[in-house]
Amino acid sequence: MTRTCPRITETITYKRRKRVGRKQDILASLPGEEVHHRLDDLTCPDCQHELKEIGSFCARKELLYIPAQVKRIDHIQHSYKCPHCSDEAPTDKIIKAPLTNSLGSASLISNTIYQKYVLKVPAYRQEKDLRCMGLPLTTRRFPIGITKSVSTTFPVFTSA
């Protein structure tokens, strides 16, 4: 005796809206601190004349984790040009973020990895802890960030 169940197809008639501006809301809610990256040597590498500052811009924003404290660091990069040979701009020398397009600094990422693998704290508890400090992050992003940071920091070697 075999039974066959009828197949039921479900059609989804709604669309979920993605929250826009979540990163900006998080960054705006935290106190900020600016770090200025200026060139040490203000002489043109080509013609040896003095470089003149023409402006500055915020290159990136990241979250710095200090135990029981989270603060926002704004990295502001200054641009320079030589008035004598202003055809080419000098290369921008700024420290890159540990993860591209991420709010996490090295301290936040390393603390998350430490809590997860050494202290065995589940992601939902880490999320609750960060929310108490004023940082509303979701646990969906934790494994992705951890995987990316570990793979870039400690490359996996395979034997052939």
Protein backbone atom coordinates (compact mmCIF):
# COMPACT_ATOMS: atom_id res chain seq x y z
CA MET A 1 0.00 0.00 0.00
CA THR A 2 1.61 3.26 -1.13
CA ARG A 3 0.31 6.68 -0.38
CA THR A 4 0.98 9.63 -2.55
CA CYS A 5 0.77 13.08 -1.11
CA PRO A 6 -0.44 15.85 -3.36
CA ARG A 7 2.19 18.53 -4.02
CA ILE A 8 1.29 21.93 -2.78
CA THR A 9 3.00 24.95 -4.26
CA GLU A 10 3.19 28.13 -2.24
CA THR A 11 3.33 31.49 -3.93
CA ILE A 12 4.78 34.42 -2.04
CA THR A 13 2.75 37.54 -2.71
CA TYR A 14 4.71 40.00 -0.63
CA LYS A 15 8.16 41.55 -0.78
CA ARG A 16 10.32 42.35 2.21
CA ARG A 17 11.85 45.76 2.33
CA LYS A 18 15.53 46.03 3.09
CA ARG A 19 16.40 48.60 5.72
CA VAL A 20 18.27 51.46 4.12
CA GLY A 21 20.79 53.56 6.02
CA ARG A 22 21.41 51.10 8.85
CA LYS A 23 25.19 51.69 8.89
CA GLN A 24 24.68 55.47 9.03
CA ASP A 25 22.23 55.11 11.95
CA ILE A 26 24.73 52.99 13.88
CA LEU A 27 27.61 55.39 13.19
CA ALA A 28 25.55 58.47 14.07
CA SER A 29 24.53 57.02 17.44
CA LEU A 30 28.13 56.59 18.69
CA PRO A 31 30.58 59.25 19.85
CA GLY A 32 33.27 59.94 17.25
CA GLU A 33 36.96 60.60 17.22
CA GLU A 34 38.92 61.83 14.20
CA VAL A 35 42.31 60.46 13.15
CA HIS A 36 44.11 62.63 10.58
CA HIS A 37 46.53 60.98 8.16
CA ARG A 38 49.00 63.58 6.89
CA LEU A 39 52.14 63.16 4.84
CA ASP A 40 55.39 63.42 6.80
CA ASP A 41 57.42 64.73 3.89
CA LEU A 42 55.72 67.70 2.18
CA THR A 43 58.12 67.87 -0.78
CA CYS A 44 57.17 66.84 -4.30
CA PRO A 45 58.92 63.58 -5.27
CA ASP A 46 59.37 64.81 -8.86
CA CYS A 47 60.49 68.44 -8.64
CA GLN A 48 61.36 68.77 -4.90
CA HIS A 49 59.06 71.81 -4.38
CA GLU A 50 56.82 72.12 -1.33
CA LEU A 51 53.39 70.44 -1.52
CA LYS A 52 50.31 72.51 -0.69
CA GLU A 53 47.28 71.00 1.05
CA ILE A 54 44.19 71.22 -1.18
CA GLY A 55 41.63 69.52 1.03
CA SER A 56 40.70 66.49 3.07
CA PHE A 57 37.99 63.84 3.07
CA CYS A 58 36.75 61.06 5.34
CA ALA A 59 38.32 57.93 3.83
CA ARG A 60 36.48 55.45 6.08
CA LYS A 61 34.67 55.02 9.36
CA GLU A 62 35.24 52.06 11.64
CA LEU A 63 34.19 50.92 15.08
CA LEU A 64 36.90 50.57 17.71
CA TYR A 65 36.32 48.04 20.48
CA ILE A 66 37.69 48.87 23.89
CA PRO A 67 36.47 46.38 26.53
CA ALA A 68 33.02 47.52 27.69
CA GLN A 69 33.18 50.49 25.33
CA VAL A 70 32.60 51.02 21.60
CA LYS A 71 33.58 54.24 19.88
CA ARG A 72 33.59 55.48 16.30
CA ILE A 73 36.87 56.46 14.64
CA ASP A 74 36.68 58.69 11.52
CA HIS A 75 39.80 58.35 9.36
CA ILE A 76 40.31 61.63 7.49
CA GLN A 77 42.80 61.60 4.67
CA HIS A 78 44.38 64.85 3.52
CA SER A 79 45.12 65.46 -0.15
CA TYR A 80 48.12 67.42 -1.39
CA LYS A 81 49.29 68.74 -4.72
CA CYS A 82 52.42 70.40 -6.01
CA PRO A 83 51.76 73.85 -7.49
CA HIS A 84 54.63 73.40 -9.96
CA CYS A 85 53.81 69.99 -11.42
CA SER A 86 50.15 69.44 -10.56
CA ASP A 87 49.43 67.01 -13.43
CA GLU A 88 49.83 63.92 -11.25
CA ALA A 89 48.68 63.54 -7.66
CA PRO A 90 50.88 61.61 -5.21
CA THR A 91 49.61 58.20 -4.28
CA ASP A 92 47.30 58.05 -1.28
CA LYS A 93 49.03 56.38 1.63
CA ILE A 94 46.36 55.32 4.12
CA ILE A 95 46.04 52.24 6.26
CA LYS A 96 43.42 49.90 4.80
CA ALA A 97 40.52 48.50 6.82
CA PRO A 98 40.79 44.86 7.96
CA LEU A 99 37.58 43.99 6.08
CA THR A 100 36.45 46.08 3.15
CA ASN A 101 33.04 47.75 3.47
CA SER A 102 32.83 46.76 7.13
CA LEU A 103 32.39 48.74 10.32
CA GLY A 104 34.66 46.43 12.30
CA SER A 105 38.14 47.43 13.30
CA ALA A 106 40.82 44.90 14.16
CA SER A 107 39.94 45.17 17.86
CA LEU A 108 36.23 44.46 17.28
CA ILE A 109 36.92 41.52 14.95
CA SER A 110 39.55 39.99 17.24
CA ASN A 111 37.29 40.32 20.29
CA THR A 112 34.44 38.62 18.39
CA ILE A 113 36.72 35.74 17.35
CA TYR A 114 38.08 35.45 20.92
CA GLN A 115 34.61 35.31 22.43
CA LYS A 116 33.36 32.81 19.86
CA TYR A 117 36.24 30.31 19.77
CA VAL A 118 37.98 30.69 23.14
CA LEU A 119 35.11 31.59 25.47
CA LYS A 120 32.54 29.63 23.40
CA VAL A 121 30.02 32.50 23.50
CA PRO A 122 27.24 31.98 20.93
CA ALA A 123 26.62 34.70 18.38
CA TYR A 124 23.22 35.64 19.79
CA ARG A 125 24.84 36.37 23.18
CA GLN A 126 27.56 38.44 21.53
CA GLU A 127 24.82 40.38 19.74
CA LYS A 128 23.04 40.97 23.07
CA ASP A 129 26.30 42.14 24.69
CA LEU A 130 27.05 44.58 21.85
CA ARG A 131 23.45 45.84 21.94
CA CYS A 132 23.89 46.65 25.65
CA MET A 133 26.92 48.75 24.71
CA GLY A 134 24.82 50.65 22.12
CA LEU A 135 25.80 48.78 18.95
CA PRO A 136 22.78 47.11 17.27
CA LEU A 137 24.40 44.43 15.08
CA THR A 138 22.67 41.25 13.92
CA THR A 139 24.08 37.75 14.36
CA ARG A 140 23.65 37.01 10.65
CA ARG A 141 26.77 39.03 9.81
CA PHE A 142 29.04 37.54 12.50
CA PRO A 143 29.98 34.25 10.78
CA ILE A 144 30.65 36.03 7.47
CA GLY A 145 32.99 38.58 9.09
CA ILE A 146 34.77 35.93 11.13
CA THR A 147 35.29 33.70 8.08
CA LYS A 148 36.62 36.60 5.98
CA SER A 149 38.98 37.88 8.65
CA VAL A 150 40.36 34.46 9.54
CA SER A 151 40.89 33.55 5.87
CA THR A 152 42.76 36.80 5.18
CA THR A 153 44.80 36.67 8.39
CA PHE A 154 45.62 32.96 8.46
CA PRO A 155 45.63 31.51 4.93
CA VAL A 156 44.68 27.86 4.74
CA PHE A 157 47.37 25.60 3.34
CA THR A 158 46.35 22.43 1.57
CA SER A 159 48.65 19.59 0.75
CA ALA A 160 48.69 18.58 -2.88
